[in-house]
Amino acid sequence: MSFEYALGQWRDGERRMREAPPERRAVLERVIERVVAELRRRLGGAFTTDELVELYGRGTDWCVQIAVASAPQAPWAWEARTVADAAFSRYVRDATDYAGGRRASRV
Protein backbone atom coordinates (compact mmCIF):
# COMPACT_ATOMS: atom_id res chain seq x y z
CA MET A 1 0.00 0.00 0.00
CA SER A 2 1.38 3.41 -0.88
CA PHE A 3 1.69 6.23 1.61
CA GLU A 4 -0.45 8.46 -0.60
CA TYR A 5 -3.29 5.92 -0.67
CA ALA A 6 -3.13 5.38 3.10
CA LEU A 7 -3.04 9.12 3.76
CA GLY A 8 -6.14 9.56 1.62
CA GLN A 9 -7.94 6.90 3.67
CA TRP A 10 -6.84 8.52 6.91
CA ARG A 11 -7.96 11.98 5.82
CA ASP A 12 -11.34 10.52 4.85
CA GLY A 13 -11.62 9.18 8.40
CA GLU A 14 -11.00 12.68 9.78
CA ARG A 15 -13.63 14.06 7.41
CA ARG A 16 -16.16 11.44 8.55
CA MET A 17 -15.40 12.38 12.14
CA ARG A 18 -15.99 16.09 11.43
CA GLU A 19 -19.26 15.26 9.65
CA ALA A 20 -20.57 13.04 12.47
CA PRO A 21 -23.65 14.30 14.30
CA PRO A 22 -22.62 16.61 17.14
CA GLU A 23 -24.15 14.35 19.78
CA ARG A 24 -21.81 11.51 18.72
CA ARG A 25 -18.54 13.40 18.53
CA ALA A 26 -17.53 13.10 22.20
CA VAL A 27 -17.78 9.31 22.07
CA LEU A 28 -15.93 9.17 18.75
CA GLU A 29 -13.19 11.42 20.15
CA ARG A 30 -12.78 9.13 23.15
CA VAL A 31 -12.45 6.07 20.91
CA ILE A 32 -10.01 7.82 18.57
CA GLU A 33 -7.84 8.93 21.48
CA ARG A 34 -7.67 5.36 22.77
CA VAL A 35 -6.66 4.10 19.32
CA VAL A 36 -3.98 6.82 19.16
CA ALA A 37 -2.70 5.67 22.56
CA GLU A 38 -2.45 2.12 21.24
CA LEU A 39 -0.61 3.35 18.13
CA ARG A 40 1.85 5.08 20.44
CA ARG A 41 2.30 1.86 22.40
CA ARG A 42 2.74 -0.29 19.28
CA LEU A 43 5.18 2.00 17.49
CA GLY A 44 7.08 3.22 20.51
CA GLY A 45 9.18 6.36 20.18
CA ALA A 46 10.24 7.81 16.86
CA PHE A 47 8.61 6.26 13.78
CA THR A 48 8.38 6.91 10.04
CA THR A 49 5.43 7.16 7.71
CA ASP A 50 6.49 3.84 6.17
CA GLU A 51 6.25 2.14 9.55
CA LEU A 52 2.78 3.58 10.12
CA VAL A 53 1.61 2.52 6.64
CA GLU A 54 2.99 -0.97 7.25
CA LEU A 55 1.04 -1.25 10.52
CA TYR A 56 -2.11 0.02 8.81
CA GLY A 57 -1.63 -2.48 6.00
CA ARG A 58 -1.69 -5.34 8.50
CA GLY A 59 -5.28 -4.47 9.33
CA THR A 60 -7.31 -2.47 11.79
CA ASP A 61 -9.33 -5.18 13.53
CA TRP A 62 -7.54 -4.31 16.75
CA CYS A 63 -8.91 -0.76 16.41
CA VAL A 64 -12.45 -2.12 16.31
CA GLN A 65 -11.74 -4.14 19.45
CA ILE A 66 -10.64 -0.94 21.20
CA ALA A 67 -13.76 0.84 19.94
CA VAL A 68 -16.08 -1.88 21.23
CA ALA A 69 -14.35 -1.88 24.62
CA SER A 70 -14.36 1.93 24.79
CA ALA A 71 -17.96 2.48 23.69
CA PRO A 72 -19.88 -0.78 24.18
CA GLN A 73 -23.26 0.96 24.00
CA ALA A 74 -22.43 2.87 20.81
CA PRO A 75 -22.09 0.49 17.84
CA TRP A 76 -21.93 3.46 15.46
CA ALA A 77 -18.53 4.23 17.07
CA TRP A 78 -17.10 0.89 15.98
CA GLU A 79 -16.70 1.86 12.32
CA ALA A 80 -13.01 1.39 11.50
CA ARG A 81 -13.27 3.67 8.48
CA THR A 82 -13.97 6.49 10.91
CA VAL A 83 -12.20 5.77 14.20
CA ALA A 84 -9.14 3.88 12.93
CA ASP A 85 -8.56 6.11 9.93
CA ALA A 86 -9.00 9.31 11.96
CA ALA A 87 -6.59 7.98 14.60
CA PHE A 88 -3.95 7.13 11.98
CA SER A 89 -4.49 10.57 10.42
CA ARG A 90 -3.77 12.24 13.73
CA TYR A 91 -0.84 10.02 14.59
CA VAL A 92 0.96 10.44 11.25
CA ARG A 93 1.63 14.05 12.26
CA ASP A 94 4.20 12.74 14.74
CA ALA A 95 6.16 10.73 12.15
CA THR A 96 9.79 11.77 11.82
CA ASP A 97 9.45 12.20 8.06
CA TYR A 98 6.12 14.05 7.98
CA ALA A 99 5.80 17.82 8.00
CA GLY A 100 3.49 20.47 6.66
CA GLY A 101 0.73 18.00 5.80
CA ARG A 102 2.92 15.75 3.66
CA ARG A 103 5.81 13.35 3.79
CA ALA A 104 9.17 15.09 3.86
CA SER A 105 11.32 14.76 0.76
CA ARG A 106 13.61 11.78 0.74
CA VAL A 107 17.26 12.16 -0.14
PDB file of N, CA and C in Angstrom:
ATOM      1  N   MET A   1       0.850  -1.170   0.000  1.00  0.00           N
ATOM      2  CA  MET A   1       0.000   0.000   0.000  1.00  0.00           C
ATOM      3  C   MET A   1       0.900   1.239   0.000  1.00  0.00           C
ATOM      4  N   SER A   2       0.568   2.195  -0.817  1.00  0.00           N
ATOM      5  CA  SER A   2       1.376   3.413  -0.880  1.00  0.00           C
ATOM      6  C   SER A   2       1.003   4.370   0.256  1.00  0.00           C
ATOM      7  N   PHE A   3       1.948   5.216   0.595  1.00  0.00           N
ATOM      8  CA  PHE A   3       1.692   6.235   1.606  1.00  0.00           C
ATOM      9  C   PHE A   3       0.557   7.147   1.158  1.00  0.00           C
ATOM     10  N   GLU A   4       0.560   7.535  -0.102  1.00  0.00           N
ATOM     11  CA  GLU A   4      -0.447   8.461  -0.604  1.00  0.00           C
ATOM     12  C   GLU A   4      -1.851   7.870  -0.482  1.00  0.00           C
ATOM     13  N   TYR A   5      -1.984   6.582  -0.799  1.00  0.00           N
ATOM     14  CA  TYR A   5      -3.286   5.922  -0.675  1.00  0.00           C
ATOM     15  C   TYR A   5      -3.719   5.885   0.790  1.00  0.00           C
ATOM     16  N   ALA A   6      -2.806   5.461   1.668  1.00  0.00           N
ATOM     17  CA  ALA A   6      -3.133   5.379   3.096  1.00  0.00           C
ATOM     18  C   ALA A   6      -3.509   6.753   3.638  1.00  0.00           C
ATOM     19  N   LEU A   7      -2.747   7.776   3.282  1.00  0.00           N
ATOM     20  CA  LEU A   7      -3.036   9.119   3.764  1.00  0.00           C
ATOM     21  C   LEU A   7      -4.423   9.571   3.313  1.00  0.00           C
ATOM     22  N   GLY A   8      -4.798   9.231   2.097  1.00  0.00           N
ATOM     23  CA  GLY A   8      -6.144   9.556   1.625  1.00  0.00           C
ATOM     24  C   GLY A   8      -7.215   8.885   2.468  1.00  0.00           C
ATOM     25  N   GLN A   9      -6.997   7.624   2.813  1.00  0.00           N
ATOM     26  CA  GLN A   9      -7.939   6.902   3.672  1.00  0.00           C
ATOM     27  C   GLN A   9      -8.025   7.573   5.044  1.00  0.00           C
ATOM     28  N   TRP A  10      -6.872   7.918   5.581  1.00  0.00           N
ATOM     29  CA  TRP A  10      -6.836   8.522   6.913  1.00  0.00           C
ATOM     30  C   TRP A  10      -7.533   9.879   6.920  1.00  0.00           C
ATOM     31  N   ARG A  11      -7.300  10.667   5.900  1.00  0.00           N
ATOM     32  CA  ARG A  11      -7.963  11.978   5.825  1.00  0.00           C
ATOM     33  C   ARG A  11      -9.471  11.818   5.670  1.00  0.00           C
ATOM     34  N   ASP A  12      -9.895  10.795   4.947  1.00  0.00           N
ATOM     35  CA  ASP A  12     -11.337  10.515   4.847  1.00  0.00           C
ATOM     36  C   ASP A  12     -11.921  10.193   6.218  1.00  0.00           C
ATOM     37  N   GLY A  13     -11.161   9.477   7.044  1.00  0.00           N
ATOM     38  CA  GLY A  13     -11.615   9.185   8.404  1.00  0.00           C
ATOM     39  C   GLY A  13     -11.797  10.454   9.214  1.00  0.00           C
ATOM     40  N   GLU A  14     -10.867  11.382   9.089  1.00  0.00           N
ATOM     41  CA  GLU A  14     -11.000  12.675   9.775  1.00  0.00           C
ATOM     42  C   GLU A  14     -12.231  13.428   9.274  1.00  0.00           C
ATOM     43  N   ARG A  15     -12.453  13.379   7.972  1.00  0.00           N
ATOM     44  CA  ARG A  15     -13.627  14.056   7.408  1.00  0.00           C
ATOM     45  C   ARG A  15     -14.908  13.449   7.962  1.00  0.00           C
ATOM     46  N   ARG A  16     -14.973  12.101   8.001  1.00  0.00           N
ATOM     47  CA  ARG A  16     -16.164  11.442   8.546  1.00  0.00           C
ATOM     48  C   ARG A  16     -16.377  11.836  10.004  1.00  0.00           C
ATOM     49  N   MET A  17     -15.298  11.962  10.744  1.00  0.00           N
ATOM     50  CA  MET A  17     -15.395  12.385  12.138  1.00  0.00           C
ATOM     51  C   MET A  17     -15.984  13.790  12.218  1.00  0.00           C
ATOM     52  N   ARG A  18     -15.483  14.704  11.421  1.00  0.00           N
ATOM     53  CA  ARG A  18     -15.989  16.085  11.427  1.00  0.00           C
ATOM     54  C   ARG A  18     -17.453  16.153  11.026  1.00  0.00           C
ATOM     55  N   GLU A  19     -17.878  15.246  10.146  1.00  0.00           N
ATOM     56  CA  GLU A  19     -19.257  15.258   9.654  1.00  0.00           C
ATOM     57  C   GLU A  19     -20.219  14.467  10.537  1.00  0.00           C
ATOM     58  N   ALA A  20     -19.708  13.821  11.581  1.00  0.00           N
ATOM     59  CA  ALA A  20     -20.568  13.042  12.474  1.00  0.00           C
ATOM     60  C   ALA A  20     -21.534  13.981  13.198  1.00  0.00           C
ATOM     61  N   PRO A  21     -22.710  13.471  13.536  1.00  0.00           N
ATOM     62  CA  PRO A  21     -23.653  14.298  14.297  1.00  0.00           C
ATOM     63  C   PRO A  21     -23.000  14.798  15.593  1.00  0.00           C
ATOM     64  N   PRO A  22     -23.251  16.030  15.951  1.00  0.00           N
ATOM     65  CA  PRO A  22     -22.618  16.612  17.143  1.00  0.00           C
ATOM     66  C   PRO A  22     -22.779  15.771  18.408  1.00  0.00           C
ATOM     67  N   GLU A  23     -23.907  15.137  18.572  1.00  0.00           N
ATOM     68  CA  GLU A  23     -24.151  14.350  19.783  1.00  0.00           C
ATOM     69  C   GLU A  23     -23.305  13.077  19.838  1.00  0.00           C
ATOM     70  N   ARG A  24     -22.649  12.715  18.755  1.00  0.00           N
ATOM     71  CA  ARG A  24     -21.808  11.513  18.721  1.00  0.00           C
ATOM     72  C   ARG A  24     -20.314  11.818  18.812  1.00  0.00           C
ATOM     73  N   ARG A  25     -19.959  13.049  18.647  1.00  0.00           N
ATOM     74  CA  ARG A  25     -18.538  13.399  18.533  1.00  0.00           C
ATOM     75  C   ARG A  25     -17.731  13.118  19.794  1.00  0.00           C
ATOM     76  N   ALA A  26     -18.293  13.339  20.963  1.00  0.00           N
ATOM     77  CA  ALA A  26     -17.531  13.104  22.199  1.00  0.00           C
ATOM     78  C   ALA A  26     -17.147  11.632  22.327  1.00  0.00           C
ATOM     79  N   VAL A  27     -18.070  10.743  22.005  1.00  0.00           N
ATOM     80  CA  VAL A  27     -17.779   9.306  22.073  1.00  0.00           C
ATOM     81  C   VAL A  27     -16.743   8.944  21.016  1.00  0.00           C
ATOM     82  N   LEU A  28     -16.903   9.449  19.808  1.00  0.00           N
ATOM     83  CA  LEU A  28     -15.933   9.173  18.748  1.00  0.00           C
ATOM     84  C   LEU A  28     -14.546   9.689  19.133  1.00  0.00           C
ATOM     85  N   GLU A  29     -14.481  10.871  19.712  1.00  0.00           N
ATOM     86  CA  GLU A  29     -13.189  11.421  20.150  1.00  0.00           C
ATOM     87  C   GLU A  29     -12.534  10.516  21.186  1.00  0.00           C
ATOM     88  N   ARG A  30     -13.329  10.014  22.122  1.00  0.00           N
ATOM     89  CA  ARG A  30     -12.784   9.128  23.154  1.00  0.00           C
ATOM     90  C   ARG A  30     -12.201   7.867  22.523  1.00  0.00           C
ATOM     91  N   VAL A  31     -12.929   7.279  21.583  1.00  0.00           N
ATOM     92  CA  VAL A  31     -12.453   6.069  20.909  1.00  0.00           C
ATOM     93  C   VAL A  31     -11.180   6.371  20.118  1.00  0.00           C
ATOM     94  N   ILE A  32     -11.179   7.452  19.379  1.00  0.00           N
ATOM     95  CA  ILE A  32     -10.010   7.815  18.570  1.00  0.00           C
ATOM     96  C   ILE A  32      -8.793   8.035  19.459  1.00  0.00           C
ATOM     97  N   GLU A  33      -8.967   8.702  20.572  1.00  0.00           N
ATOM     98  CA  GLU A  33      -7.839   8.932  21.484  1.00  0.00           C
ATOM     99  C   GLU A  33      -7.291   7.619  22.030  1.00  0.00           C
ATOM    100  N   ARG A  34      -8.145   6.662  22.274  1.00  0.00           N
ATOM    101  CA  ARG A  34      -7.668   5.362  22.766  1.00  0.00           C
ATOM    102  C   ARG A  34      -6.925   4.598  21.672  1.00  0.00           C
ATOM    103  N   VAL A  35      -7.379   4.735  20.437  1.00  0.00           N
ATOM    104  CA  VAL A  35      -6.658   4.103  19.324  1.00  0.00           C
ATOM    105  C   VAL A  35      -5.298   4.782  19.145  1.00  0.00           C
ATOM    106  N   VAL A  36      -5.256   6.099  19.246  1.00  0.00           N
ATOM    107  CA  VAL A  36      -3.975   6.818  19.158  1.00  0.00           C
ATOM    108  C   VAL A  36      -3.028   6.347  20.261  1.00  0.00           C
ATOM    109  N   ALA A  37      -3.541   6.163  21.461  1.00  0.00           N
ATOM    110  CA  ALA A  37      -2.703   5.674  22.565  1.00  0.00           C
ATOM    111  C   ALA A  37      -2.133   4.293  22.244  1.00  0.00           C
ATOM    112  N   GLU A  38      -2.942   3.455  21.610  1.00  0.00           N
ATOM    113  CA  GLU A  38      -2.455   2.120  21.238  1.00  0.00           C
ATOM    114  C   GLU A  38      -1.432   2.211  20.107  1.00  0.00           C
ATOM    115  N   LEU A  39      -1.621   3.129  19.175  1.00  0.00           N
ATOM    116  CA  LEU A  39      -0.615   3.350  18.130  1.00  0.00           C
ATOM    117  C   LEU A  39       0.711   3.753  18.771  1.00  0.00           C
ATOM    118  N   ARG A  40       0.641   4.632  19.740  1.00  0.00           N
ATOM    119  CA  ARG A  40       1.845   5.076  20.441  1.00  0.00           C
ATOM    120  C   ARG A  40       2.526   3.891  21.118  1.00  0.00           C
ATOM    121  N   ARG A  41       1.745   3.030  21.728  1.00  0.00           N
ATOM    122  CA  ARG A  41       2.303   1.861  22.401  1.00  0.00           C
ATOM    123  C   ARG A  41       2.939   0.906  21.394  1.00  0.00           C
ATOM    124  N   ARG A  42       2.260   0.676  20.273  1.00  0.00           N
ATOM    125  CA  ARG A  42       2.745  -0.286  19.281  1.00  0.00           C
ATOM    126  C   ARG A  42       3.986   0.195  18.544  1.00  0.00           C
ATOM    127  N   LEU A  43       4.054   1.484  18.262  1.00  0.00           N
ATOM    128  CA  LEU A  43       5.185   2.003  17.488  1.00  0.00           C
ATOM    129  C   LEU A  43       6.303   2.551  18.363  1.00  0.00           C
ATOM    130  N   GLY A  44       6.029   2.737  19.617  1.00  0.00           N
ATOM    131  CA  GLY A  44       7.077   3.220  20.512  1.00  0.00           C
ATOM    132  C   GLY A  44       7.425   4.667  20.260  1.00  0.00           C
ATOM    133  N   GLY A  45       8.704   4.986  20.331  1.00  0.00           N
ATOM    134  CA  GLY A  45       9.179   6.362  20.175  1.00  0.00           C
ATOM    135  C   GLY A  45       9.080   6.851  18.746  1.00  0.00           C
ATOM    136  N   ALA A  46      10.205   7.265  18.210  1.00  0.00           N
ATOM    137  CA  ALA A  46      10.240   7.807  16.856  1.00  0.00           C
ATOM    138  C   ALA A  46       9.828   6.746  15.838  1.00  0.00           C
ATOM    139  N   PHE A  47       9.062   7.173  14.836  1.00  0.00           N
ATOM    140  CA  PHE A  47       8.612   6.264  13.780  1.00  0.00           C
ATOM    141  C   PHE A  47       8.512   7.036  12.474  1.00  0.00           C
ATOM    142  N   THR A  48       8.493   6.295  11.368  1.00  0.00           N
ATOM    143  CA  THR A  48       8.381   6.908  10.042  1.00  0.00           C
ATOM    144  C   THR A  48       6.997   6.654   9.457  1.00  0.00           C
ATOM    145  N   THR A  49       6.705   7.378   8.401  1.00  0.00           N
ATOM    146  CA  THR A  49       5.434   7.160   7.713  1.00  0.00           C
ATOM    147  C   THR A  49       5.362   5.743   7.155  1.00  0.00           C
ATOM    148  N   ASP A  50       6.487   5.215   6.682  1.00  0.00           N
ATOM    149  CA  ASP A  50       6.488   3.843   6.165  1.00  0.00           C
ATOM    150  C   ASP A  50       6.101   2.840   7.245  1.00  0.00           C
ATOM    151  N   GLU A  51       6.595   3.043   8.453  1.00  0.00           N
ATOM    152  CA  GLU A  51       6.246   2.136   9.549  1.00  0.00           C
ATOM    153  C   GLU A  51       4.757   2.217   9.871  1.00  0.00           C
ATOM    154  N   LEU A  52       4.201   3.418   9.831  1.00  0.00           N
ATOM    155  CA  LEU A  52       2.777   3.583  10.118  1.00  0.00           C
ATOM    156  C   LEU A  52       1.931   2.953   9.013  1.00  0.00           C
ATOM    157  N   VAL A  53       2.330   3.136   7.765  1.00  0.00           N
ATOM    158  CA  VAL A  53       1.613   2.519   6.642  1.00  0.00           C
ATOM    159  C   VAL A  53       1.683   1.001   6.744  1.00  0.00           C
ATOM    160  N   GLU A  54       2.830   0.475   7.126  1.00  0.00           N
ATOM    161  CA  GLU A  54       2.987  -0.975   7.253  1.00  0.00           C
ATOM    162  C   GLU A  54       2.051  -1.519   8.336  1.00  0.00           C
ATOM    163  N   LEU A  55       1.958  -0.835   9.457  1.00  0.00           N
ATOM    164  CA  LEU A  55       1.042  -1.252  10.524  1.00  0.00           C
ATOM    165  C   LEU A  55      -0.403  -1.192  10.042  1.00  0.00           C
ATOM    166  N   TYR A  56      -0.758  -0.131   9.351  1.00  0.00           N
ATOM    167  CA  TYR A  56      -2.115   0.019   8.812  1.00  0.00           C
ATOM    168  C   TYR A  56      -2.419  -1.101   7.820  1.00  0.00           C
ATOM    169  N   GLY A  57      -1.448  -1.432   7.000  1.00  0.00           N
ATOM    170  CA  GLY A  57      -1.629  -2.477   5.997  1.00  0.00           C
ATOM    171  C   GLY A  57      -1.872  -3.854   6.589  1.00  0.00           C
ATOM    172  N   ARG A  58      -1.449  -4.052   7.824  1.00  0.00           N
ATOM    173  CA  ARG A  58      -1.686  -5.337   8.499  1.00  0.00           C
ATOM    174  C   ARG A  58      -3.120  -5.482   8.987  1.00  0.00           C
ATOM    175  N   GLY A  59      -3.876  -4.401   8.938  1.00  0.00           N
ATOM    176  CA  GLY A  59      -5.278  -4.471   9.334  1.00  0.00           C
ATOM    177  C   GLY A  59      -5.587  -3.640  10.562  1.00  0.00           C
ATOM    178  N   THR A  60      -6.864  -3.333  10.699  1.00  0.00           N
ATOM    179  CA  THR A  60      -7.307  -2.472  11.793  1.00  0.00           C
ATOM    180  C   THR A  60      -8.340  -3.152  12.691  1.00  0.00           C
ATOM    181  N   ASP A  61      -8.384  -4.473  12.653  1.00  0.00           N
ATOM    182  CA  ASP A  61      -9.328  -5.179  13.526  1.00  0.00           C
ATOM    183  C   ASP A  61      -9.098  -4.834  14.990  1.00  0.00           C
ATOM    184  N   TRP A  62      -7.853  -4.659  15.366  1.00  0.00           N
ATOM    185  CA  TRP A  62      -7.544  -4.308  16.752  1.00  0.00           C
ATOM    186  C   TRP A  62      -8.143  -2.957  17.119  1.00  0.00           C
ATOM    187  N   CYS A  63      -8.287  -2.057  16.159  1.00  0.00           N
ATOM    188  CA  CYS A  63      -8.914  -0.755  16.413  1.00  0.00           C
ATOM    189  C   CYS A  63     -10.391  -0.935  16.748  1.00  0.00           C
ATOM    190  N   VAL A  64     -11.034  -1.839  16.044  1.00  0.00           N
ATOM    191  CA  VAL A  64     -12.449  -2.116  16.308  1.00  0.00           C
ATOM    192  C   VAL A  64     -12.603  -2.708  17.705  1.00  0.00           C
ATOM    193  N   GLN A  65     -11.688  -3.568  18.095  1.00  0.00           N
ATOM    194  CA  GLN A  65     -11.738  -4.137  19.452  1.00  0.00           C
ATOM    195  C   GLN A  65     -11.633  -3.034  20.502  1.00  0.00           C
ATOM    196  N   ILE A  66     -10.762  -2.078  20.282  1.00  0.00           N
ATOM    197  CA  ILE A  66     -10.644  -0.945  21.202  1.00  0.00           C
ATOM    198  C   ILE A  66     -11.936  -0.139  21.207  1.00  0.00           C
ATOM    199  N   ALA A  67     -12.512   0.076  20.038  1.00  0.00           N
ATOM    200  CA  ALA A  67     -13.756   0.841  19.943  1.00  0.00           C
ATOM    201  C   ALA A  67     -14.886   0.163  20.706  1.00  0.00           C
ATOM    202  N   VAL A  68     -15.017  -1.141  20.536  1.00  0.00           N
ATOM    203  CA  VAL A  68     -16.076  -1.883  21.227  1.00  0.00           C
ATOM    204  C   VAL A  68     -15.871  -1.793  22.740  1.00  0.00           C
ATOM    205  N   ALA A  69     -14.638  -1.952  23.183  1.00  0.00           N
ATOM    206  CA  ALA A  69     -14.349  -1.880  24.621  1.00  0.00           C
ATOM    207  C   ALA A  69     -14.552  -0.465  25.169  1.00  0.00           C
ATOM    208  N   SER A  70     -14.268   0.542  24.354  1.00  0.00           N
ATOM    209  CA  SER A  70     -14.365   1.933  24.795  1.00  0.00           C
ATOM    210  C   SER A  70     -15.780   2.480  24.766  1.00  0.00           C
ATOM    211  N   ALA A  71     -16.589   1.963  23.857  1.00  0.00           N
ATOM    212  CA  ALA A  71     -17.955   2.476  23.690  1.00  0.00           C
ATOM    213  C   ALA A  71     -18.912   1.315  23.422  1.00  0.00           C
ATOM    214  N   PRO A  72     -19.081   0.419  24.416  1.00  0.00           N
ATOM    215  CA  PRO A  72     -19.884  -0.784  24.183  1.00  0.00           C
ATOM    216  C   PRO A  72     -21.350  -0.512  23.851  1.00  0.00           C
ATOM    217  N   GLN A  73     -21.857   0.630  24.259  1.00  0.00           N
ATOM    218  CA  GLN A  73     -23.261   0.958  23.998  1.00  0.00           C
ATOM    219  C   GLN A  73     -23.439   1.819  22.743  1.00  0.00           C
ATOM    220  N   ALA A  74     -22.373   1.985  21.974  1.00  0.00           N
ATOM    221  CA  ALA A  74     -22.428   2.871  20.805  1.00  0.00           C
ATOM    222  C   ALA A  74     -21.869   2.174  19.569  1.00  0.00           C
ATOM    223  N   PRO A  75     -22.616   1.237  18.997  1.00  0.00           N
ATOM    224  CA  PRO A  75     -22.092   0.494  17.840  1.00  0.00           C
ATOM    225  C   PRO A  75     -21.715   1.375  16.653  1.00  0.00           C
ATOM    226  N   TRP A  76     -22.306   2.537  16.534  1.00  0.00           N
ATOM    227  CA  TRP A  76     -21.931   3.456  15.458  1.00  0.00           C
ATOM    228  C   TRP A  76     -20.495   3.956  15.635  1.00  0.00           C
ATOM    229  N   ALA A  77     -19.914   3.802  16.819  1.00  0.00           N
ATOM    230  CA  ALA A  77     -18.531   4.234  17.074  1.00  0.00           C
ATOM    231  C   ALA A  77     -17.521   3.131  16.784  1.00  0.00           C
ATOM    232  N   TRP A  78     -17.984   2.018  16.254  1.00  0.00           N
ATOM    233  CA  TRP A  78     -17.101   0.887  15.983  1.00  0.00           C
ATOM    234  C   TRP A  78     -16.640   0.851  14.526  1.00  0.00           C
ATOM    235  N   GLU A  79     -17.012   1.823  13.748  1.00  0.00           N
ATOM    236  CA  GLU A  79     -16.700   1.857  12.319  1.00  0.00           C
ATOM    237  C   GLU A  79     -15.225   2.197  12.110  1.00  0.00           C
ATOM    238  N   ALA A  80     -14.461   1.201  11.677  1.00  0.00           N
ATOM    239  CA  ALA A  80     -13.013   1.390  11.501  1.00  0.00           C
ATOM    240  C   ALA A  80     -12.698   2.493  10.503  1.00  0.00           C
ATOM    241  N   ARG A  81     -13.532   2.640   9.492  1.00  0.00           N
ATOM    242  CA  ARG A  81     -13.269   3.668   8.484  1.00  0.00           C
ATOM    243  C   ARG A  81     -13.335   5.069   9.085  1.00  0.00           C
ATOM    244  N   THR A  82     -13.957   5.197  10.225  1.00  0.00           N
ATOM    245  CA  THR A  82     -13.967   6.489  10.906  1.00  0.00           C
ATOM    246  C   THR A  82     -12.923   6.519  12.011  1.00  0.00           C
ATOM    247  N   VAL A  83     -13.061   5.654  13.010  1.00  0.00           N
ATOM    248  CA  VAL A  83     -12.199   5.765  14.196  1.00  0.00           C
ATOM    249  C   VAL A  83     -10.751   5.368  13.925  1.00  0.00           C
ATOM    250  N   ALA A  84     -10.526   4.284  13.211  1.00  0.00           N
ATOM    251  CA  ALA A  84      -9.142   3.875  12.929  1.00  0.00           C
ATOM    252  C   ALA A  84      -8.483   4.877  11.991  1.00  0.00           C
ATOM    253  N   ASP A  85      -9.172   5.208  10.914  1.00  0.00           N
ATOM    254  CA  ASP A  85      -8.565   6.107   9.932  1.00  0.00           C
ATOM    255  C   ASP A  85      -8.301   7.490  10.523  1.00  0.00           C
ATOM    256  N   ALA A  86      -9.225   8.005  11.326  1.00  0.00           N
ATOM    257  CA  ALA A  86      -8.999   9.308  11.962  1.00  0.00           C
ATOM    258  C   ALA A  86      -7.822   9.235  12.932  1.00  0.00           C
ATOM    259  N   ALA A  87      -7.703   8.135  13.657  1.00  0.00           N
ATOM    260  CA  ALA A  87      -6.585   7.978  14.596  1.00  0.00           C
ATOM    261  C   ALA A  87      -5.251   7.938  13.849  1.00  0.00           C
ATOM    262  N   PHE A  88      -5.190   7.180  12.764  1.00  0.00           N
ATOM    263  CA  PHE A  88      -3.955   7.132  11.979  1.00  0.00           C
ATOM    264  C   PHE A  88      -3.647   8.512  11.397  1.00  0.00           C
ATOM    265  N   SER A  89      -4.676   9.230  10.965  1.00  0.00           N
ATOM    266  CA  SER A  89      -4.488  10.569  10.419  1.00  0.00           C
ATOM    267  C   SER A  89      -3.876  11.504  11.454  1.00  0.00           C
ATOM    268  N   ARG A  90      -4.319  11.391  12.664  1.00  0.00           N
ATOM    269  CA  ARG A  90      -3.766  12.236  13.725  1.00  0.00           C
ATOM    270  C   ARG A  90      -2.350  11.808  14.093  1.00  0.00           C
ATOM    271  N   TYR A  91      -2.140  10.513  14.132  1.00  0.00           N
ATOM    272  CA  TYR A  91      -0.843  10.018  14.591  1.00  0.00           C
ATOM    273  C   TYR A  91       0.264  10.239  13.565  1.00  0.00           C
ATOM    274  N   VAL A  92      -0.066  10.252  12.281  1.00  0.00           N
ATOM    275  CA  VAL A  92       0.963  10.443  11.253  1.00  0.00           C
ATOM    276  C   VAL A  92       1.678  11.778  11.440  1.00  0.00           C
ATOM    277  N   ARG A  93       1.023  12.726  12.051  1.00  0.00           N
ATOM    278  CA  ARG A  93       1.626  14.050  12.258  1.00  0.00           C
ATOM    279  C   ARG A  93       2.885  13.985  13.114  1.00  0.00           C
ATOM    280  N   ASP A  94       3.023  12.904  13.885  1.00  0.00           N
ATOM    281  CA  ASP A  94       4.197  12.741  14.744  1.00  0.00           C
ATOM    282  C   ASP A  94       5.328  11.952  14.077  1.00  0.00           C
ATOM    283  N   ALA A  95       5.119  11.498  12.850  1.00  0.00           N
ATOM    284  CA  ALA A  95       6.160  10.732  12.152  1.00  0.00           C
ATOM    285  C   ALA A  95       7.382  11.615  11.906  1.00  0.00           C
ATOM    286  N   THR A  96       8.548  11.010  11.987  1.00  0.00           N
ATOM    287  CA  THR A  96       9.790  11.768  11.824  1.00  0.00           C
ATOM    288  C   THR A  96       9.960  12.338  10.421  1.00  0.00           C
ATOM    289  N   ASP A  97       9.297  11.743   9.446  1.00  0.00           N
ATOM    290  CA  ASP A  97       9.447  12.200   8.061  1.00  0.00           C
ATOM    291  C   ASP A  97       8.162  12.817   7.514  1.00  0.00           C
ATOM    292  N   TYR A  98       7.374  13.427   8.390  1.00  0.00           N
ATOM    293  CA  TYR A  98       6.117  14.054   7.983  1.00  0.00           C
ATOM    294  C   TYR A  98       6.108  15.481   8.498  1.00  0.00           C
ATOM    295  N   ALA A  99       5.838  16.420   7.602  1.00  0.00           N
ATOM    296  CA  ALA A  99       5.799  17.824   7.999  1.00  0.00           C
ATOM    297  C   ALA A  99       4.945  18.606   7.022  1.00  0.00           C
ATOM    298  N   GLY A 100       4.256  19.589   7.531  1.00  0.00           N
ATOM    299  CA  GLY A 100       3.487  20.468   6.664  1.00  0.00           C
ATOM    300  C   GLY A 100       2.386  19.772   5.891  1.00  0.00           C
ATOM    301  N   GLY A 101       1.831  18.699   6.452  1.00  0.00           N
ATOM    302  CA  GLY A 101       0.734  18.005   5.796  1.00  0.00           C
ATOM    303  C   GLY A 101       1.156  17.013   4.731  1.00  0.00           C
ATOM    304  N   ARG A 102       2.453  16.731   4.645  1.00  0.00           N
ATOM    305  CA  ARG A 102       2.921  15.748   3.658  1.00  0.00           C
ATOM    306  C   ARG A 102       4.207  15.092   4.143  1.00  0.00           C
ATOM    307  N   ARG A 103       4.567  14.042   3.463  1.00  0.00           N
ATOM    308  CA  ARG A 103       5.808  13.346   3.792  1.00  0.00           C
ATOM    309  C   ARG A 103       6.979  14.206   3.335  1.00  0.00           C
ATOM    310  N   ALA A 104       7.979  14.304   4.187  1.00  0.00           N
ATOM    311  CA  ALA A 104       9.167  15.091   3.864  1.00  0.00           C
ATOM    312  C   ALA A 104       9.906  14.441   2.699  1.00  0.00           C
ATOM    313  N   SER A 105      10.555  15.258   1.907  1.00  0.00           N
ATOM    314  CA  SER A 105      11.318  14.756   0.764  1.00  0.00           C
ATOM    315  C   SER A 105      12.389  13.794   1.230  1.00  0.00           C
ATOM    316  N   ARG A 106      12.570  12.763   0.434  1.00  0.00           N
ATOM    317  CA  ARG A 106      13.612  11.779   0.741  1.00  0.00           C
ATOM    318  C   ARG A 106      14.848  12.095  -0.068  1.00  0.00           C
ATOM    319  N   VAL A 107      15.981  11.881   0.539  1.00  0.00           N
ATOM    320  CA  VAL A 107      17.259  12.162  -0.136  1.00  0.00           C
ATOM    321  C   VAL A 107      17.724  10.939  -0.873  1.00  0.00           C
TER     322      VAL A 107
END
